[in-house]
Amino acid sequence: MTESDPQDLADRYIAQWVVPDAGERRAAIEQLWAEGGTHFLQPPVEMRETAAGLGFDRTALTAQGVDAFETRVARSHEQFVKEAGLTFRSRGDAVRLNDIVKFSWETVSTGTGDVVGGGLEILVLDDHDRITADYMFPGA
């Protein structure tokens, strides 16, 4: 088992979301992710409330596998980075416990530098420090 620096991993994880070039973004994703890795996203409050109103007791959005995650990152990049003028950065608080890495991140306006959001990330790693599960909690 390798033990990469948790902050370096957090920084590389955040970087994959802001890479403008699709080929570079794919390469970053392939370096970080295990082939069958799964990204779990806690949806925004509005979406959870709507689902609860329809009788769903749990809501989670998932993307499984490198191709699905690449689509997720590309759409996020288009919506938040390219169109909304935002970027993401780690808060510099990454910690590792065995195969788990936890860190917080911020959403920042590129125009003003203001922090406009953020969240919590929990990554589960394989023996080669590739992501097998990613739990994203925006707003945390």
C-alpha atoms as a PDB file:
ATOM      1  CA  MET A   1       0.000   0.000   0.000  1.00  0.00           C
ATOM      2  CA  THR A   2       1.327   3.416  -0.924  1.00  0.00           C
ATOM      3  CA  GLU A   3       0.752   6.405   1.333  1.00  0.00           C
ATOM      4  CA  SER A   4       0.616   9.559  -0.763  1.00  0.00           C
ATOM      5  CA  ASP A   5       0.398  12.940   0.915  1.00  0.00           C
ATOM      6  CA  PRO A   6      -3.299  13.660   1.610  1.00  0.00           C
ATOM      7  CA  GLN A   7      -3.024  17.368   0.745  1.00  0.00           C
ATOM      8  CA  ASP A   8      -1.351  16.584  -2.574  1.00  0.00           C
ATOM      9  CA  LEU A   9      -4.172  14.160  -3.363  1.00  0.00           C
ATOM     10  CA  ALA A  10      -6.788  16.771  -2.371  1.00  0.00           C
ATOM     11  CA  ASP A  11      -5.122  19.402  -4.563  1.00  0.00           C
ATOM     12  CA  ARG A  12      -4.990  17.038  -7.553  1.00  0.00           C
ATOM     13  CA  TYR A  13      -8.620  16.073  -6.954  1.00  0.00           C
ATOM     14  CA  ILE A  14      -9.712  19.724  -6.977  1.00  0.00           C
ATOM     15  CA  ALA A  15      -7.572  20.470 -10.039  1.00  0.00           C
ATOM     16  CA  GLN A  16      -9.432  17.906 -12.192  1.00  0.00           C
ATOM     17  CA  TRP A  17     -12.586  20.050 -11.909  1.00  0.00           C
ATOM     18  CA  VAL A  18     -10.993  23.202 -13.327  1.00  0.00           C
ATOM     19  CA  VAL A  19      -8.820  21.851 -16.183  1.00  0.00           C
ATOM     20  CA  PRO A  20     -10.162  23.501 -19.361  1.00  0.00           C
ATOM     21  CA  ASP A  21      -8.686  21.004 -21.841  1.00  0.00           C
ATOM     22  CA  ALA A  22     -10.767  17.821 -22.171  1.00  0.00           C
ATOM     23  CA  GLY A  23      -7.729  15.614 -22.884  1.00  0.00           C
ATOM     24  CA  GLU A  24      -5.812  16.920 -19.876  1.00  0.00           C
ATOM     25  CA  ARG A  25      -8.922  16.533 -17.739  1.00  0.00           C
ATOM     26  CA  ARG A  26      -9.315  12.896 -18.833  1.00  0.00           C
ATOM     27  CA  ALA A  27      -5.644  12.198 -18.057  1.00  0.00           C
ATOM     28  CA  ALA A  28      -6.033  13.730 -14.575  1.00  0.00           C
ATOM     29  CA  ILE A  29      -9.130  11.616 -13.941  1.00  0.00           C
ATOM     30  CA  GLU A  30      -7.411   8.414 -15.090  1.00  0.00           C
ATOM     31  CA  GLN A  31      -4.482   9.099 -12.748  1.00  0.00           C
ATOM     32  CA  LEU A  32      -6.753   9.670  -9.744  1.00  0.00           C
ATOM     33  CA  TRP A  33      -9.531   7.130 -10.191  1.00  0.00           C
ATOM     34  CA  ALA A  34      -9.739   3.352  -9.959  1.00  0.00           C
ATOM     35  CA  GLU A  35     -11.533   1.921 -12.993  1.00  0.00           C
ATOM     36  CA  GLY A  36     -14.814   1.115 -11.219  1.00  0.00           C
ATOM     37  CA  GLY A  37     -14.724   4.041  -8.785  1.00  0.00           C
ATOM     38  CA  THR A  38     -17.998   5.655  -7.769  1.00  0.00           C
ATOM     39  CA  HIS A  39     -18.755   9.313  -7.120  1.00  0.00           C
ATOM     40  CA  PHE A  40     -21.612   9.899  -4.656  1.00  0.00           C
ATOM     41  CA  LEU A  41     -23.084  13.391  -4.496  1.00  0.00           C
ATOM     42  CA  GLN A  42     -25.408  14.666  -1.816  1.00  0.00           C
ATOM     43  CA  PRO A  43     -27.826  16.747  -3.918  1.00  0.00           C
ATOM     44  CA  PRO A  44     -28.706  20.334  -3.035  1.00  0.00           C
ATOM     45  CA  VAL A  45     -31.313  20.873  -0.308  1.00  0.00           C
ATOM     46  CA  GLU A  46     -33.998  21.821  -2.841  1.00  0.00           C
ATOM     47  CA  MET A  47     -33.577  18.528  -4.682  1.00  0.00           C
ATOM     48  CA  ARG A  48     -33.629  16.521  -1.437  1.00  0.00           C
ATOM     49  CA  GLU A  49     -36.800  18.314  -0.294  1.00  0.00           C
ATOM     50  CA  THR A  50     -38.525  17.652  -3.611  1.00  0.00           C
ATOM     51  CA  ALA A  51     -37.550  13.966  -3.444  1.00  0.00           C
ATOM     52  CA  ALA A  52     -38.806  13.710   0.149  1.00  0.00           C
ATOM     53  CA  GLY A  53     -42.097  15.272  -0.959  1.00  0.00           C
ATOM     54  CA  LEU A  54     -42.403  12.485  -3.513  1.00  0.00           C
ATOM     55  CA  GLY A  55     -41.821   9.826  -0.864  1.00  0.00           C
ATOM     56  CA  PHE A  56     -38.119   9.146  -1.372  1.00  0.00           C
ATOM     57  CA  ASP A  57     -36.424   8.739   1.988  1.00  0.00           C
ATOM     58  CA  ARG A  58     -32.917   8.917   0.514  1.00  0.00           C
ATOM     59  CA  THR A  59     -31.419  10.839  -2.307  1.00  0.00           C
ATOM     60  CA  ALA A  60     -27.942  10.437  -3.670  1.00  0.00           C
ATOM     61  CA  LEU A  61     -26.646  11.015  -7.152  1.00  0.00           C
ATOM     62  CA  THR A  62     -23.977   8.649  -8.437  1.00  0.00           C
ATOM     63  CA  ALA A  63     -21.556   8.365 -11.318  1.00  0.00           C
ATOM     64  CA  GLN A  64     -19.703   5.069 -11.617  1.00  0.00           C
ATOM     65  CA  GLY A  65     -16.610   4.443 -13.685  1.00  0.00           C
ATOM     66  CA  VAL A  66     -14.078   6.740 -15.291  1.00  0.00           C
ATOM     67  CA  ASP A  67     -16.266   7.575 -18.304  1.00  0.00           C
ATOM     68  CA  ALA A  68     -19.267   8.539 -16.177  1.00  0.00           C
ATOM     69  CA  PHE A  69     -17.128  10.594 -13.840  1.00  0.00           C
ATOM     70  CA  GLU A  70     -15.476  12.343 -16.794  1.00  0.00           C
ATOM     71  CA  THR A  71     -18.955  13.344 -18.010  1.00  0.00           C
ATOM     72  CA  ARG A  72     -19.793  14.610 -14.521  1.00  0.00           C
ATOM     73  CA  VAL A  73     -16.623  16.703 -14.307  1.00  0.00           C
ATOM     74  CA  ALA A  74     -17.034  18.066 -17.856  1.00  0.00           C
ATOM     75  CA  ARG A  75     -20.594  19.217 -17.166  1.00  0.00           C
ATOM     76  CA  SER A  76     -19.586  20.752 -13.848  1.00  0.00           C
ATOM     77  CA  HIS A  77     -16.713  22.560 -15.561  1.00  0.00           C
ATOM     78  CA  GLU A  78     -19.037  23.903 -18.241  1.00  0.00           C
ATOM     79  CA  GLN A  79     -21.675  25.102 -15.759  1.00  0.00           C
ATOM     80  CA  PHE A  80     -19.587  26.429 -12.892  1.00  0.00           C
ATOM     81  CA  VAL A  81     -16.144  27.280 -14.267  1.00  0.00           C
ATOM     82  CA  LYS A  82     -16.810  28.338 -17.851  1.00  0.00           C
ATOM     83  CA  GLU A  83     -20.304  29.838 -17.583  1.00  0.00           C
ATOM     84  CA  ALA A  84     -20.507  31.044 -13.975  1.00  0.00           C
ATOM     85  CA  GLY A  85     -16.896  32.224 -13.612  1.00  0.00           C
ATOM     86  CA  LEU A  86     -16.123  30.115 -10.569  1.00  0.00           C
ATOM     87  CA  THR A  87     -13.158  28.018  -9.524  1.00  0.00           C
ATOM     88  CA  PHE A  88     -12.533  25.545  -6.737  1.00  0.00           C
ATOM     89  CA  ARG A  89      -9.748  25.229  -4.191  1.00  0.00           C
ATOM     90  CA  SER A  90      -8.910  23.036  -1.260  1.00  0.00           C
ATOM     91  CA  ARG A  91      -9.025  24.607   2.195  1.00  0.00           C
ATOM     92  CA  GLY A  92      -5.655  22.970   2.969  1.00  0.00           C
ATOM     93  CA  ASP A  93      -7.085  20.708   5.666  1.00  0.00           C
ATOM     94  CA  ALA A  94      -6.663  17.247   4.101  1.00  0.00           C
ATOM     95  CA  VAL A  95      -6.142  14.382   6.540  1.00  0.00           C
ATOM     96  CA  ARG A  96      -5.704  10.685   5.989  1.00  0.00           C
ATOM     97  CA  LEU A  97      -6.726   7.741   8.136  1.00  0.00           C
ATOM     98  CA  ASN A  98      -5.765   4.412   6.572  1.00  0.00           C
ATOM     99  CA  ASP A  99      -7.488   4.378   3.162  1.00  0.00           C
ATOM    100  CA  ILE A 100      -9.720   7.426   3.810  1.00  0.00           C
ATOM    101  CA  VAL A 101      -8.866  11.029   2.903  1.00  0.00           C
ATOM    102  CA  LYS A 102     -11.082  13.872   4.120  1.00  0.00           C
ATOM    103  CA  PHE A 103     -10.846  17.518   3.101  1.00  0.00           C
ATOM    104  CA  SER A 104     -12.891  20.658   2.622  1.00  0.00           C
ATOM    105  CA  TRP A 105     -13.042  22.802  -0.494  1.00  0.00           C
ATOM    106  CA  GLU A 106     -14.251  26.235  -1.489  1.00  0.00           C
ATOM    107  CA  THR A 107     -16.049  27.633  -4.508  1.00  0.00           C
ATOM    108  CA  VAL A 108     -14.519  30.999  -5.413  1.00  0.00           C
ATOM    109  CA  SER A 109     -15.640  33.737  -7.813  1.00  0.00           C
ATOM    110  CA  THR A 110     -12.853  34.343 -10.314  1.00  0.00           C
ATOM    111  CA  GLY A 111     -14.106  37.916 -10.768  1.00  0.00           C
ATOM    112  CA  THR A 112     -14.080  39.002  -7.134  1.00  0.00           C
ATOM    113  CA  GLY A 113     -12.108  36.341  -5.279  1.00  0.00           C
ATOM    114  CA  ASP A 114     -15.036  35.933  -2.886  1.00  0.00           C
ATOM    115  CA  VAL A 115     -15.803  32.514  -1.460  1.00  0.00           C
ATOM    116  CA  VAL A 116     -19.367  31.724  -2.579  1.00  0.00           C
ATOM    117  CA  GLY A 117     -19.671  28.122  -1.444  1.00  0.00           C
ATOM    118  CA  GLY A 118     -17.838  24.963  -0.607  1.00  0.00           C
ATOM    119  CA  GLY A 119     -18.159  21.504   0.756  1.00  0.00           C
ATOM    120  CA  LEU A 120     -16.675  18.381   2.257  1.00  0.00           C
ATOM    121  CA  GLU A 121     -15.061  15.517   0.370  1.00  0.00           C
ATOM    122  CA  ILE A 122     -14.395  12.005   1.654  1.00  0.00           C
ATOM    123  CA  LEU A 123     -12.341   9.747  -0.599  1.00  0.00           C
ATOM    124  CA  VAL A 124     -11.835   6.002  -0.197  1.00  0.00           C
ATOM    125  CA  LEU A 125      -8.616   4.772  -1.791  1.00  0.00           C
ATOM    126  CA  ASP A 126      -7.394   1.427  -3.082  1.00  0.00           C
ATOM    127  CA  ASP A 127      -3.931  -0.050  -2.442  1.00  0.00           C
ATOM    128  CA  HIS A 128      -2.477   2.200  -5.175  1.00  0.00           C
ATOM    129  CA  ASP A 129      -4.054   5.374  -3.761  1.00  0.00           C
ATOM    130  CA  ARG A 130      -6.618   5.563  -6.524  1.00  0.00           C
ATOM    131  CA  ILE A 131     -10.146   6.652  -5.667  1.00  0.00           C
ATOM    132  CA  THR A 132     -12.663   3.818  -5.341  1.00  0.00           C
ATOM    133  CA  ALA A 133     -15.396   5.912  -3.700  1.00  0.00           C
ATOM    134  CA  ASP A 134     -15.881   9.676  -3.492  1.00  0.00           C
ATOM    135  CA  TYR A 135     -18.498  11.146  -1.155  1.00  0.00           C
ATOM    136  CA  MET A 136     -19.192  14.804  -1.958  1.00  0.00           C
ATOM    137  CA  PHE A 137     -21.185  17.014   0.403  1.00  0.00           C
ATOM    138  CA  PRO A 138     -21.658  20.491  -1.120  1.00  0.00           C
ATOM    139  CA  GLY A 139     -22.555  23.110   1.441  1.00  0.00           C
ATOM    140  CA  ALA A 140     -20.965  21.193   4.322  1.00  0.00           C
END
